[in-house]
Amino acid sequence: MIAFRTLVRLRRLSEREGTRPGKEVMGLADALIACQLEYAVAGFFLSQAYAAYLYATLGIIVGFSKAMVPAPRRGVALQSTRMTAAAP
């Protein structure tokens, strides 16, 4: 489920760009979404035969996500997401 959400997020980000690389990213995201759906259907009928394909596609999705999400800029402080208690 997380892999599917990641692909949809990457597709939306590349759709905003509208450039040629953005369209190629959209195409790859669509292909990987279709791959995940096909795996779910085929794995339902032949679960053991498709066991190795899950890890291969998840690895491709993780690599694709890491390549497309820009790294934080140097010198920019990251905001803490931790909630702090208010002082009394």
C-alpha atoms as a PDB file:
ATOM      1  CA  MET A   1       0.000   0.000   0.000  1.00  0.00           C
ATOM      2  CA  ILE A   2       2.840   2.386   0.830  1.00  0.00           C
ATOM      3  CA  ALA A   3       4.497   1.639  -2.505  1.00  0.00           C
ATOM      4  CA  PHE A   4       1.258   2.444  -4.333  1.00  0.00           C
ATOM      5  CA  ARG A   5       0.882   5.760  -2.483  1.00  0.00           C
ATOM      6  CA  THR A   6       4.501   6.641  -3.222  1.00  0.00           C
ATOM      7  CA  LEU A   7       3.996   6.029  -6.931  1.00  0.00           C
ATOM      8  CA  VAL A   8       0.834   8.122  -7.019  1.00  0.00           C
ATOM      9  CA  ARG A   9       2.656  10.954  -5.214  1.00  0.00           C
ATOM     10  CA  LEU A  10       5.563  10.819  -7.664  1.00  0.00           C
ATOM     11  CA  ARG A  11       3.149  10.799 -10.590  1.00  0.00           C
ATOM     12  CA  ARG A  12       1.387  13.910  -9.290  1.00  0.00           C
ATOM     13  CA  LEU A  13       4.683  15.721  -8.742  1.00  0.00           C
ATOM     14  CA  SER A  14       5.852  14.970 -12.272  1.00  0.00           C
ATOM     15  CA  GLU A  15       2.454  15.872 -13.728  1.00  0.00           C
ATOM     16  CA  ARG A  16       2.860  19.421 -12.423  1.00  0.00           C
ATOM     17  CA  GLU A  17       6.159  19.861 -14.272  1.00  0.00           C
ATOM     18  CA  GLY A  18       4.788  19.114 -17.732  1.00  0.00           C
ATOM     19  CA  THR A  19       8.292  18.760 -19.207  1.00  0.00           C
ATOM     20  CA  ARG A  20       9.632  15.805 -21.159  1.00  0.00           C
ATOM     21  CA  PRO A  21      11.374  14.263 -18.127  1.00  0.00           C
ATOM     22  CA  GLY A  22       8.147  14.781 -16.202  1.00  0.00           C
ATOM     23  CA  LYS A  23       6.200  12.810 -18.807  1.00  0.00           C
ATOM     24  CA  GLU A  24       8.770  10.025 -18.704  1.00  0.00           C
ATOM     25  CA  VAL A  25       8.469   9.870 -14.928  1.00  0.00           C
ATOM     26  CA  MET A  26       4.677   9.730 -15.244  1.00  0.00           C
ATOM     27  CA  GLY A  27       5.022   6.836 -17.682  1.00  0.00           C
ATOM     28  CA  LEU A  28       7.335   4.916 -15.369  1.00  0.00           C
ATOM     29  CA  ALA A  29       5.073   5.586 -12.381  1.00  0.00           C
ATOM     30  CA  ASP A  30       2.058   4.347 -14.362  1.00  0.00           C
ATOM     31  CA  ALA A  31       3.953   1.208 -15.407  1.00  0.00           C
ATOM     32  CA  LEU A  32       4.965   0.463 -11.816  1.00  0.00           C
ATOM     33  CA  ILE A  33       1.401   1.054 -10.584  1.00  0.00           C
ATOM     34  CA  ALA A  34       0.167  -1.417 -13.196  1.00  0.00           C
ATOM     35  CA  CYS A  35       2.902  -3.834 -12.120  1.00  0.00           C
ATOM     36  CA  GLN A  36       1.733  -3.654  -8.510  1.00  0.00           C
ATOM     37  CA  LEU A  37      -1.887  -4.255  -9.491  1.00  0.00           C
ATOM     38  CA  GLU A  38      -0.956  -7.155 -11.756  1.00  0.00           C
ATOM     39  CA  TYR A  39       1.143  -8.674  -8.983  1.00  0.00           C
ATOM     40  CA  ALA A  40      -1.802  -8.513  -6.591  1.00  0.00           C
ATOM     41  CA  VAL A  41      -4.109 -10.263  -9.046  1.00  0.00           C
ATOM     42  CA  ALA A  42      -1.614 -12.898 -10.195  1.00  0.00           C
ATOM     43  CA  GLY A  43      -0.317 -13.492  -6.680  1.00  0.00           C
ATOM     44  CA  PHE A  44      -3.845 -14.227  -5.550  1.00  0.00           C
ATOM     45  CA  PHE A  45      -3.998 -17.249  -7.849  1.00  0.00           C
ATOM     46  CA  LEU A  46      -0.350 -18.399  -7.817  1.00  0.00           C
ATOM     47  CA  SER A  47       1.042 -17.040  -4.579  1.00  0.00           C
ATOM     48  CA  GLN A  48       4.278 -19.051  -4.406  1.00  0.00           C
ATOM     49  CA  ALA A  49       5.182 -18.539  -8.071  1.00  0.00           C
ATOM     50  CA  TYR A  50       5.169 -14.742  -7.666  1.00  0.00           C
ATOM     51  CA  ALA A  51       6.954 -14.515  -4.302  1.00  0.00           C
ATOM     52  CA  ALA A  52      10.263 -13.159  -5.657  1.00  0.00           C
ATOM     53  CA  TYR A  53       8.671 -10.526  -7.886  1.00  0.00           C
ATOM     54  CA  LEU A  54       7.298  -8.549  -4.964  1.00  0.00           C
ATOM     55  CA  TYR A  55      10.746  -7.751  -3.596  1.00  0.00           C
ATOM     56  CA  ALA A  56      12.095  -6.895  -7.035  1.00  0.00           C
ATOM     57  CA  THR A  57       9.314  -4.409  -7.771  1.00  0.00           C
ATOM     58  CA  LEU A  58       9.505  -2.914  -4.277  1.00  0.00           C
ATOM     59  CA  GLY A  59      13.233  -2.395  -4.766  1.00  0.00           C
ATOM     60  CA  ILE A  60      12.613  -0.641  -8.080  1.00  0.00           C
ATOM     61  CA  ILE A  61       9.965   1.573  -6.483  1.00  0.00           C
ATOM     62  CA  VAL A  62      12.243   2.530  -3.578  1.00  0.00           C
ATOM     63  CA  GLY A  63      15.085   3.366  -5.966  1.00  0.00           C
ATOM     64  CA  PHE A  64      12.738   5.357  -8.192  1.00  0.00           C
ATOM     65  CA  SER A  65      11.451   7.294  -5.198  1.00  0.00           C
ATOM     66  CA  LYS A  66      14.957   8.043  -3.911  1.00  0.00           C
ATOM     67  CA  ALA A  67      16.043   9.240  -7.357  1.00  0.00           C
ATOM     68  CA  MET A  68      13.059  11.536  -7.852  1.00  0.00           C
ATOM     69  CA  VAL A  69      12.728  13.190  -4.431  1.00  0.00           C
ATOM     70  CA  PRO A  70      15.311  15.970  -4.125  1.00  0.00           C
ATOM     71  CA  ALA A  71      17.706  15.876  -1.200  1.00  0.00           C
ATOM     72  CA  PRO A  72      17.521  18.702   1.340  1.00  0.00           C
ATOM     73  CA  ARG A  73      19.800  21.628   0.563  1.00  0.00           C
ATOM     74  CA  ARG A  74      22.948  22.035   2.592  1.00  0.00           C
ATOM     75  CA  GLY A  75      22.873  24.758   5.179  1.00  0.00           C
ATOM     76  CA  VAL A  76      19.098  24.630   5.580  1.00  0.00           C
ATOM     77  CA  ALA A  77      17.999  23.620   9.052  1.00  0.00           C
ATOM     78  CA  LEU A  78      15.482  20.817   9.133  1.00  0.00           C
ATOM     79  CA  GLN A  79      12.365  21.513  11.141  1.00  0.00           C
ATOM     80  CA  SER A  80      11.687  19.177  13.984  1.00  0.00           C
ATOM     81  CA  THR A  81       8.449  17.227  13.723  1.00  0.00           C
ATOM     82  CA  ARG A  82       8.558  16.315  17.398  1.00  0.00           C
ATOM     83  CA  MET A  83       5.921  17.915  19.577  1.00  0.00           C
ATOM     84  CA  THR A  84       7.290  19.699  22.610  1.00  0.00           C
ATOM     85  CA  ALA A  85       5.398  20.258  25.809  1.00  0.00           C
ATOM     86  CA  ALA A  86       4.389  23.803  26.543  1.00  0.00           C
ATOM     87  CA  ALA A  87       6.154  25.427  29.468  1.00  0.00           C
ATOM     88  CA  PRO A  88       3.848  26.073  32.457  1.00  0.00           C
END
